[in-house]
Amino acid sequence: MKRTASFFLLLTVTVLCVWGALASGAGANRDLERLLPLSLDVIDGPVRVVVKHISPYKPHAGEAAFLETGRRLSERLGLPPAELRSGGDHILYKASGPDSGGIRRTLLWVMFPDGSTELIVSAETPESGDTGTGGETASRMEEAQTKLSRVLEGMGVTPNWNVIVQGKLKADYASPDKLNDWLQAELRAEAVESYDDGRSVSVSYASPLLEASVQSGGRMLNLQAAVHRSSETGESRLTLGTPVITTEY
């Protein structure tokens, strides 16, 4: 499902407001260790992996102070300095760059009209798709996430991580029922909520094997799975997120 960057920024902030709990650093590692190897059973080709921290951060008054703090955050994260961008009723500071292992790290800091801010820090596998084996990818991502956790803790921020795995879905699992059966078998996942707009199908699950969670309608959810079918190629893309998906699918 293609959406604009502004849409997903607002979605991310909305999700943040209702999340009951994300996974801690150790919990995110365990979710990634479990989810990534499983995903290789149903994903054909390169796998995109993202770990993302989302939280409120210090309120700021004025663009100059916001920019100055943003550049200090960039330095702490080992990222190049950046400039401010306008996002309509909010201001963005975004800096990005690869670490020594090729994992791309991104700082996205958002200031709203009332001076409140949201901090989003993420690590993502290389755009080249050269992620190695599932175990190698998990190890590299865990190392990047652990380093970012230490920086966040040094800033006085408690790290909480969202894990996302995405790639081309194998034809054998293109049927929603087949994918659902696989998730039930591998993660003891129970479907709780679903959405279908004709091109994308999204299902939220409860699973006792995953640590990240969000409460919705009185139920605890641990996983969201979405399949988007391209109108141009006919191929299906799978996105798995714990506890929810915070990227376009």
C-alpha atoms as a PDB file:
ATOM      1  CA  MET A   1       0.000   0.000   0.000  1.00  0.00           C
ATOM      2  CA  LYS A   2       1.711   3.180  -1.181  1.00  0.00           C
ATOM      3  CA  ARG A   3       1.420   6.182   1.080  1.00  0.00           C
ATOM      4  CA  THR A   4       3.171   9.536   1.344  1.00  0.00           C
ATOM      5  CA  ALA A   5       5.929  10.208   3.868  1.00  0.00           C
ATOM      6  CA  SER A   6       3.659  12.628   5.715  1.00  0.00           C
ATOM      7  CA  PHE A   7       0.958   9.957   5.981  1.00  0.00           C
ATOM      8  CA  PHE A   8       3.354   7.515   7.585  1.00  0.00           C
ATOM      9  CA  LEU A   9       4.736  10.161   9.904  1.00  0.00           C
ATOM     10  CA  LEU A  10       1.216  10.849  11.174  1.00  0.00           C
ATOM     11  CA  LEU A  11       0.492   7.115  11.320  1.00  0.00           C
ATOM     12  CA  THR A  12       3.630   6.525  13.346  1.00  0.00           C
ATOM     13  CA  VAL A  13       2.741   9.244  15.836  1.00  0.00           C
ATOM     14  CA  THR A  14      -0.850   7.956  16.086  1.00  0.00           C
ATOM     15  CA  VAL A  15       0.373   4.422  16.695  1.00  0.00           C
ATOM     16  CA  LEU A  16       2.771   5.723  19.325  1.00  0.00           C
ATOM     17  CA  CYS A  17      -0.118   7.274  21.230  1.00  0.00           C
ATOM     18  CA  VAL A  18      -2.014   3.974  21.523  1.00  0.00           C
ATOM     19  CA  TRP A  19       0.803   1.439  21.940  1.00  0.00           C
ATOM     20  CA  GLY A  20       0.775  -0.303  25.258  1.00  0.00           C
ATOM     21  CA  ALA A  21       4.355  -1.577  25.037  1.00  0.00           C
ATOM     22  CA  LEU A  22       7.072  -2.235  22.511  1.00  0.00           C
ATOM     23  CA  ALA A  23       9.922  -4.651  22.976  1.00  0.00           C
ATOM     24  CA  SER A  24      12.933  -3.675  25.063  1.00  0.00           C
ATOM     25  CA  GLY A  25      16.364  -4.064  23.495  1.00  0.00           C
ATOM     26  CA  ALA A  26      16.639  -7.710  24.534  1.00  0.00           C
ATOM     27  CA  GLY A  27      13.025  -8.384  23.593  1.00  0.00           C
ATOM     28  CA  ALA A  28      13.503  -6.846  20.152  1.00  0.00           C
ATOM     29  CA  ASN A  29      16.542  -9.063  19.622  1.00  0.00           C
ATOM     30  CA  ARG A  30      14.482 -12.132  20.481  1.00  0.00           C
ATOM     31  CA  ASP A  31      11.615 -11.066  18.199  1.00  0.00           C
ATOM     32  CA  LEU A  32      14.082 -10.460  15.360  1.00  0.00           C
ATOM     33  CA  GLU A  33      15.859 -13.763  15.990  1.00  0.00           C
ATOM     34  CA  ARG A  34      12.530 -15.575  15.763  1.00  0.00           C
ATOM     35  CA  LEU A  35      10.906 -13.628  12.927  1.00  0.00           C
ATOM     36  CA  LEU A  36      13.736 -13.270  10.413  1.00  0.00           C
ATOM     37  CA  PRO A  37      14.653 -16.960   9.939  1.00  0.00           C
ATOM     38  CA  LEU A  38      10.947 -17.831   9.650  1.00  0.00           C
ATOM     39  CA  SER A  39      10.377 -15.144   7.032  1.00  0.00           C
ATOM     40  CA  LEU A  40      12.974 -16.753   4.761  1.00  0.00           C
ATOM     41  CA  ASP A  41      10.550 -19.671   4.354  1.00  0.00           C
ATOM     42  CA  VAL A  42       8.005 -17.436   2.614  1.00  0.00           C
ATOM     43  CA  ILE A  43      10.052 -14.544   1.155  1.00  0.00           C
ATOM     44  CA  ASP A  44      11.634 -14.958  -2.276  1.00  0.00           C
ATOM     45  CA  GLY A  45      14.864 -12.983  -2.660  1.00  0.00           C
ATOM     46  CA  PRO A  46      16.260 -10.059  -0.633  1.00  0.00           C
ATOM     47  CA  VAL A  47      14.740  -9.310   2.762  1.00  0.00           C
ATOM     48  CA  ARG A  48      14.409  -5.764   4.073  1.00  0.00           C
ATOM     49  CA  VAL A  49      14.793  -5.595   7.864  1.00  0.00           C
ATOM     50  CA  VAL A  50      14.116  -2.502   9.986  1.00  0.00           C
ATOM     51  CA  VAL A  51      14.340  -1.958  13.739  1.00  0.00           C
ATOM     52  CA  LYS A  52      12.765   1.311  14.865  1.00  0.00           C
ATOM     53  CA  HIS A  53      12.530   3.210  18.158  1.00  0.00           C
ATOM     54  CA  ILE A  54       9.688   5.731  18.590  1.00  0.00           C
ATOM     55  CA  SER A  55       9.119   7.980  21.593  1.00  0.00           C
ATOM     56  CA  PRO A  56       8.353  11.538  22.684  1.00  0.00           C
ATOM     57  CA  TYR A  57      11.435  13.676  23.307  1.00  0.00           C
ATOM     58  CA  LYS A  58      12.240  17.063  24.808  1.00  0.00           C
ATOM     59  CA  PRO A  59       9.893  19.940  23.875  1.00  0.00           C
ATOM     60  CA  HIS A  60      11.497  22.828  21.987  1.00  0.00           C
ATOM     61  CA  ALA A  61      10.606  26.437  21.264  1.00  0.00           C
ATOM     62  CA  GLY A  62      11.855  27.846  17.970  1.00  0.00           C
ATOM     63  CA  GLU A  63      13.536  26.399  14.905  1.00  0.00           C
ATOM     64  CA  ALA A  64      17.063  27.528  15.794  1.00  0.00           C
ATOM     65  CA  ALA A  65      17.133  25.608  19.077  1.00  0.00           C
ATOM     66  CA  PHE A  66      15.466  22.608  17.423  1.00  0.00           C
ATOM     67  CA  LEU A  67      18.117  22.539  14.680  1.00  0.00           C
ATOM     68  CA  GLU A  68      20.970  22.904  17.171  1.00  0.00           C
ATOM     69  CA  THR A  69      19.715  19.995  19.265  1.00  0.00           C
ATOM     70  CA  GLY A  70      19.097  17.916  16.130  1.00  0.00           C
ATOM     71  CA  ARG A  71      22.704  18.329  15.072  1.00  0.00           C
ATOM     72  CA  ARG A  72      23.910  17.343  18.535  1.00  0.00           C
ATOM     73  CA  LEU A  73      21.763  14.210  18.294  1.00  0.00           C
ATOM     74  CA  SER A  74      23.262  13.470  14.871  1.00  0.00           C
ATOM     75  CA  GLU A  75      26.748  13.710  16.339  1.00  0.00           C
ATOM     76  CA  ARG A  76      25.888  11.353  19.193  1.00  0.00           C
ATOM     77  CA  LEU A  77      24.510   8.821  16.716  1.00  0.00           C
ATOM     78  CA  GLY A  78      27.529   9.165  14.412  1.00  0.00           C
ATOM     79  CA  LEU A  79      25.455  10.695  11.609  1.00  0.00           C
ATOM     80  CA  PRO A  80      26.226  13.702   9.387  1.00  0.00           C
ATOM     81  CA  PRO A  81      24.530  17.025  10.251  1.00  0.00           C
ATOM     82  CA  ALA A  82      21.332  17.879   8.375  1.00  0.00           C
ATOM     83  CA  GLU A  83      18.998  20.806   7.703  1.00  0.00           C
ATOM     84  CA  LEU A  84      15.386  21.329   8.743  1.00  0.00           C
ATOM     85  CA  ARG A  85      12.509  20.400   6.446  1.00  0.00           C
ATOM     86  CA  SER A  86       8.930  21.623   6.482  1.00  0.00           C
ATOM     87  CA  GLY A  87       6.223  18.968   6.767  1.00  0.00           C
ATOM     88  CA  GLY A  88       3.150  21.177   6.696  1.00  0.00           C
ATOM     89  CA  ASP A  89       2.216  21.858  10.304  1.00  0.00           C
ATOM     90  CA  HIS A  90       5.386  20.204  11.611  1.00  0.00           C
ATOM     91  CA  ILE A  91       9.147  20.577  11.169  1.00  0.00           C
ATOM     92  CA  LEU A  92      11.450  17.651  10.440  1.00  0.00           C
ATOM     93  CA  TYR A  93      15.098  17.057  11.164  1.00  0.00           C
ATOM     94  CA  LYS A  94      16.372  13.970   9.339  1.00  0.00           C
ATOM     95  CA  ALA A  95      19.916  12.607   9.222  1.00  0.00           C
ATOM     96  CA  SER A  96      20.998   9.261   7.810  1.00  0.00           C
ATOM     97  CA  GLY A  97      24.111   7.257   7.037  1.00  0.00           C
ATOM     98  CA  PRO A  98      25.563   3.723   7.017  1.00  0.00           C
ATOM     99  CA  ASP A  99      27.524   2.184   9.863  1.00  0.00           C
ATOM    100  CA  SER A 100      30.760   0.257   9.332  1.00  0.00           C
ATOM    101  CA  GLY A 101      28.768  -2.894   8.539  1.00  0.00           C
ATOM    102  CA  GLY A 102      26.612  -1.218   5.892  1.00  0.00           C
ATOM    103  CA  ILE A 103      23.491  -0.977   8.063  1.00  0.00           C
ATOM    104  CA  ARG A 104      21.734   2.335   7.391  1.00  0.00           C
ATOM    105  CA  ARG A 105      20.888   4.316  10.522  1.00  0.00           C
ATOM    106  CA  THR A 106      18.391   7.162  10.461  1.00  0.00           C
ATOM    107  CA  LEU A 107      17.433   9.884  12.914  1.00  0.00           C
ATOM    108  CA  LEU A 108      14.026  11.482  12.314  1.00  0.00           C
ATOM    109  CA  TRP A 109      13.033  14.150  14.815  1.00  0.00           C
ATOM    110  CA  VAL A 110       9.727  15.975  14.495  1.00  0.00           C
ATOM    111  CA  MET A 111       8.558  19.200  16.149  1.00  0.00           C
ATOM    112  CA  PHE A 112       4.857  20.114  16.224  1.00  0.00           C
ATOM    113  CA  PRO A 113       3.283  23.590  16.554  1.00  0.00           C
ATOM    114  CA  ASP A 114       2.896  23.264  20.333  1.00  0.00           C
ATOM    115  CA  GLY A 115       6.637  22.565  20.705  1.00  0.00           C
ATOM    116  CA  SER A 116       6.232  18.863  21.467  1.00  0.00           C
ATOM    117  CA  THR A 117       8.580  16.513  19.642  1.00  0.00           C
ATOM    118  CA  GLU A 118       8.729  12.878  18.538  1.00  0.00           C
ATOM    119  CA  LEU A 119      11.995  10.979  18.169  1.00  0.00           C
ATOM    120  CA  ILE A 120      12.350   8.132  15.667  1.00  0.00           C
ATOM    121  CA  VAL A 121      15.650   6.254  15.418  1.00  0.00           C
ATOM    122  CA  SER A 122      16.006   3.289  13.074  1.00  0.00           C
ATOM    123  CA  ALA A 123      18.454   0.835  11.549  1.00  0.00           C
ATOM    124  CA  GLU A 124      17.821  -0.850   8.195  1.00  0.00           C
ATOM    125  CA  THR A 125      19.514  -3.436   6.011  1.00  0.00           C
ATOM    126  CA  PRO A 126      21.408  -2.096   2.960  1.00  0.00           C
ATOM    127  CA  GLU A 127      19.355  -0.995  -0.045  1.00  0.00           C
ATOM    128  CA  SER A 128      21.446  -3.334  -2.206  1.00  0.00           C
ATOM    129  CA  GLY A 129      19.642  -6.271  -0.636  1.00  0.00           C
ATOM    130  CA  ASP A 130      22.981  -7.905   0.220  1.00  0.00           C
ATOM    131  CA  THR A 131      21.890  -9.151   3.633  1.00  0.00           C
ATOM    132  CA  GLY A 132      23.630 -12.525   3.755  1.00  0.00           C
ATOM    133  CA  THR A 133      21.968 -15.421   5.535  1.00  0.00           C
ATOM    134  CA  GLY A 134      19.164 -14.954   8.025  1.00  0.00           C
ATOM    135  CA  GLY A 135      21.546 -15.526  10.919  1.00  0.00           C
ATOM    136  CA  GLU A 136      24.122 -13.055   9.571  1.00  0.00           C
ATOM    137  CA  THR A 137      21.474 -10.401   8.990  1.00  0.00           C
ATOM    138  CA  ALA A 138      19.985 -10.848  12.443  1.00  0.00           C
ATOM    139  CA  SER A 139      23.451 -10.583  14.001  1.00  0.00           C
ATOM    140  CA  ARG A 140      24.301  -7.365  12.126  1.00  0.00           C
ATOM    141  CA  MET A 141      20.953  -5.800  12.925  1.00  0.00           C
ATOM    142  CA  GLU A 142      21.185  -6.774  16.583  1.00  0.00           C
ATOM    143  CA  GLU A 143      24.634  -5.201  16.803  1.00  0.00           C
ATOM    144  CA  ALA A 144      23.371  -1.969  15.216  1.00  0.00           C
ATOM    145  CA  GLN A 145      20.290  -1.916  17.453  1.00  0.00           C
ATOM    146  CA  THR A 146      22.385  -2.525  20.577  1.00  0.00           C
ATOM    147  CA  LYS A 147      24.681   0.394  19.733  1.00  0.00           C
ATOM    148  CA  LEU A 148      21.713   2.681  19.120  1.00  0.00           C
ATOM    149  CA  SER A 149      20.165   1.548  22.404  1.00  0.00           C
ATOM    150  CA  ARG A 150      23.291   2.639  24.265  1.00  0.00           C
ATOM    151  CA  VAL A 151      23.141   6.083  22.652  1.00  0.00           C
ATOM    152  CA  LEU A 152      19.446   6.465  23.481  1.00  0.00           C
ATOM    153  CA  GLU A 153      20.074   5.451  27.076  1.00  0.00           C
ATOM    154  CA  GLY A 154      22.843   8.058  27.249  1.00  0.00           C
ATOM    155  CA  MET A 155      20.256  10.630  26.157  1.00  0.00           C
ATOM    156  CA  GLY A 156      17.958   9.595  28.982  1.00  0.00           C
ATOM    157  CA  VAL A 157      15.609   7.746  26.611  1.00  0.00           C
ATOM    158  CA  THR A 158      14.402   4.203  27.315  1.00  0.00           C
ATOM    159  CA  PRO A 159      14.812   2.235  24.048  1.00  0.00           C
ATOM    160  CA  ASN A 160      11.722   0.422  22.769  1.00  0.00           C
ATOM    161  CA  TRP A 161      11.910  -1.304  19.427  1.00  0.00           C
ATOM    162  CA  ASN A 162       9.554  -2.133  16.580  1.00  0.00           C
ATOM    163  CA  VAL A 163      10.784  -4.895  14.201  1.00  0.00           C
ATOM    164  CA  ILE A 164       9.773  -4.980  10.512  1.00  0.00           C
ATOM    165  CA  VAL A 165      10.609  -7.649   7.907  1.00  0.00           C
ATOM    166  CA  GLN A 166       9.611  -7.186   4.259  1.00  0.00           C
ATOM    167  CA  GLY A 167      10.139  -8.891   0.901  1.00  0.00           C
ATOM    168  CA  LYS A 168       8.602 -10.521  -2.160  1.00  0.00           C
ATOM    169  CA  LEU A 169       6.151 -13.225  -1.113  1.00  0.00           C
ATOM    170  CA  LYS A 170       6.670 -16.668  -2.606  1.00  0.00           C
ATOM    171  CA  ALA A 171       3.872 -17.680  -4.966  1.00  0.00           C
ATOM    172  CA  ASP A 172       3.083 -20.728  -2.825  1.00  0.00           C
ATOM    173  CA  TYR A 173       2.001 -18.402   0.004  1.00  0.00           C
ATOM    174  CA  ALA A 174       0.121 -15.801  -2.041  1.00  0.00           C
ATOM    175  CA  SER A 175      -3.203 -17.118  -0.755  1.00  0.00           C
ATOM    176  CA  PRO A 176      -4.247 -15.337   2.486  1.00  0.00           C
ATOM    177  CA  ASP A 177      -5.390 -18.662   3.927  1.00  0.00           C
ATOM    178  CA  LYS A 178      -2.019 -20.298   3.211  1.00  0.00           C
ATOM    179  CA  LEU A 179      -0.110 -17.449   4.844  1.00  0.00           C
ATOM    180  CA  ASN A 180      -2.465 -17.460   7.813  1.00  0.00           C
ATOM    181  CA  ASP A 181      -1.979 -21.213   8.272  1.00  0.00           C
ATOM    182  CA  TRP A 182       1.808 -20.718   8.197  1.00  0.00           C
ATOM    183  CA  LEU A 183       1.683 -18.009  10.870  1.00  0.00           C
ATOM    184  CA  GLN A 184      -0.561 -20.150  13.042  1.00  0.00           C
ATOM    185  CA  ALA A 185       1.779 -23.118  12.736  1.00  0.00           C
ATOM    186  CA  GLU A 186       5.063 -21.253  13.265  1.00  0.00           C
ATOM    187  CA  LEU A 187       4.080 -18.535  15.762  1.00  0.00           C
ATOM    188  CA  ARG A 188       0.889 -19.952  17.303  1.00  0.00           C
ATOM    189  CA  ALA A 189      -0.658 -16.780  15.932  1.00  0.00           C
ATOM    190  CA  GLU A 190      -4.368 -16.084  16.385  1.00  0.00           C
ATOM    191  CA  ALA A 191      -5.972 -13.633  13.947  1.00  0.00           C
ATOM    192  CA  VAL A 192      -7.734 -10.803  15.803  1.00  0.00           C
ATOM    193  CA  GLU A 193      -8.314  -7.973  13.310  1.00  0.00           C
ATOM    194  CA  SER A 194      -8.218  -7.738   9.507  1.00  0.00           C
ATOM    195  CA  TYR A 195      -8.470  -5.188   6.698  1.00  0.00           C
ATOM    196  CA  ASP A 196      -8.839  -5.687   2.929  1.00  0.00           C
ATOM    197  CA  ASP A 197      -9.026  -2.896   0.336  1.00  0.00           C
ATOM    198  CA  GLY A 198      -8.817  -5.124  -2.726  1.00  0.00           C
ATOM    199  CA  ARG A 199      -5.067  -4.703  -3.299  1.00  0.00           C
ATOM    200  CA  SER A 200      -3.761  -5.051   0.242  1.00  0.00           C
ATOM    201  CA  VAL A 201      -4.745  -7.431   3.007  1.00  0.00           C
ATOM    202  CA  SER A 202      -3.648  -6.748   6.577  1.00  0.00           C
ATOM    203  CA  VAL A 203      -4.199  -9.036   9.562  1.00  0.00           C
ATOM    204  CA  SER A 204      -3.260  -8.407  13.206  1.00  0.00           C
ATOM    205  CA  TYR A 205      -2.411 -11.376  15.410  1.00  0.00           C
ATOM    206  CA  ALA A 206      -1.887 -12.334  19.017  1.00  0.00           C
ATOM    207  CA  SER A 207       1.117 -14.610  19.524  1.00  0.00           C
ATOM    208  CA  PRO A 208       2.604 -15.880  22.795  1.00  0.00           C
ATOM    209  CA  LEU A 209       5.974 -16.309  21.069  1.00  0.00           C
ATOM    210  CA  LEU A 210       6.579 -12.588  20.400  1.00  0.00           C
ATOM    211  CA  GLU A 211       7.398 -10.005  23.065  1.00  0.00           C
ATOM    212  CA  ALA A 212       6.367  -6.667  21.535  1.00  0.00           C
ATOM    213  CA  SER A 213       2.698  -5.907  22.129  1.00  0.00           C
ATOM    214  CA  VAL A 214      -0.046  -3.332  21.694  1.00  0.00           C
ATOM    215  CA  GLN A 215      -3.534  -3.301  23.141  1.00  0.00           C
ATOM    216  CA  SER A 216      -6.434  -2.868  20.723  1.00  0.00           C
ATOM    217  CA  GLY A 217     -10.106  -3.294  21.553  1.00  0.00           C
ATOM    218  CA  GLY A 218      -9.305  -5.045  24.790  1.00  0.00           C
ATOM    219  CA  ARG A 219      -7.022  -7.580  23.059  1.00  0.00           C
ATOM    220  CA  MET A 220      -3.243  -7.729  23.117  1.00  0.00           C
ATOM    221  CA  LEU A 221      -1.692  -7.843  19.636  1.00  0.00           C
ATOM    222  CA  ASN A 222       1.872  -8.946  18.887  1.00  0.00           C
ATOM    223  CA  LEU A 223       2.134  -9.098  15.108  1.00  0.00           C
ATOM    224  CA  GLN A 224       0.744  -7.480  11.972  1.00  0.00           C
ATOM    225  CA  ALA A 225       1.084  -9.171   8.588  1.00  0.00           C
ATOM    226  CA  ALA A 226       0.231  -7.376   5.343  1.00  0.00           C
ATOM    227  CA  VAL A 227       0.297  -8.521   1.725  1.00  0.00           C
ATOM    228  CA  HIS A 228       0.227  -5.911  -1.040  1.00  0.00           C
ATOM    229  CA  ARG A 229      -0.281  -6.987  -4.655  1.00  0.00           C
ATOM    230  CA  SER A 230       1.374  -4.815  -7.315  1.00  0.00           C
ATOM    231  CA  SER A 231      -0.990  -3.790 -10.100  1.00  0.00           C
ATOM    232  CA  GLU A 232       2.016  -3.475 -12.445  1.00  0.00           C
ATOM    233  CA  THR A 233       3.859  -6.757 -11.876  1.00  0.00           C
ATOM    234  CA  GLY A 234       1.219  -8.891 -10.185  1.00  0.00           C
ATOM    235  CA  GLU A 235       3.778  -9.807  -7.527  1.00  0.00           C
ATOM    236  CA  SER A 236       2.889  -9.781  -3.849  1.00  0.00           C
ATOM    237  CA  ARG A 237       4.978  -8.110  -1.153  1.00  0.00           C
ATOM    238  CA  LEU A 238       4.849  -9.374   2.430  1.00  0.00           C
ATOM    239  CA  THR A 239       5.425  -7.097   5.415  1.00  0.00           C
ATOM    240  CA  LEU A 240       5.628  -8.429   8.970  1.00  0.00           C
ATOM    241  CA  GLY A 241       5.778  -6.042  11.933  1.00  0.00           C
ATOM    242  CA  THR A 242       5.962  -6.534  15.687  1.00  0.00           C
ATOM    243  CA  PRO A 243       3.694  -5.440  17.151  1.00  0.00           C
ATOM    244  CA  VAL A 244       2.450  -3.388  14.169  1.00  0.00           C
ATOM    245  CA  ILE A 245       3.693  -2.204  10.769  1.00  0.00           C
ATOM    246  CA  THR A 246       5.025   1.363  10.745  1.00  0.00           C
ATOM    247  CA  THR A 247       6.159   1.542   7.120  1.00  0.00           C
ATOM    248  CA  GLU A 248       4.409   1.411   3.768  1.00  0.00           C
ATOM    249  CA  TYR A 249       3.479  -2.063   2.593  1.00  0.00           C
END
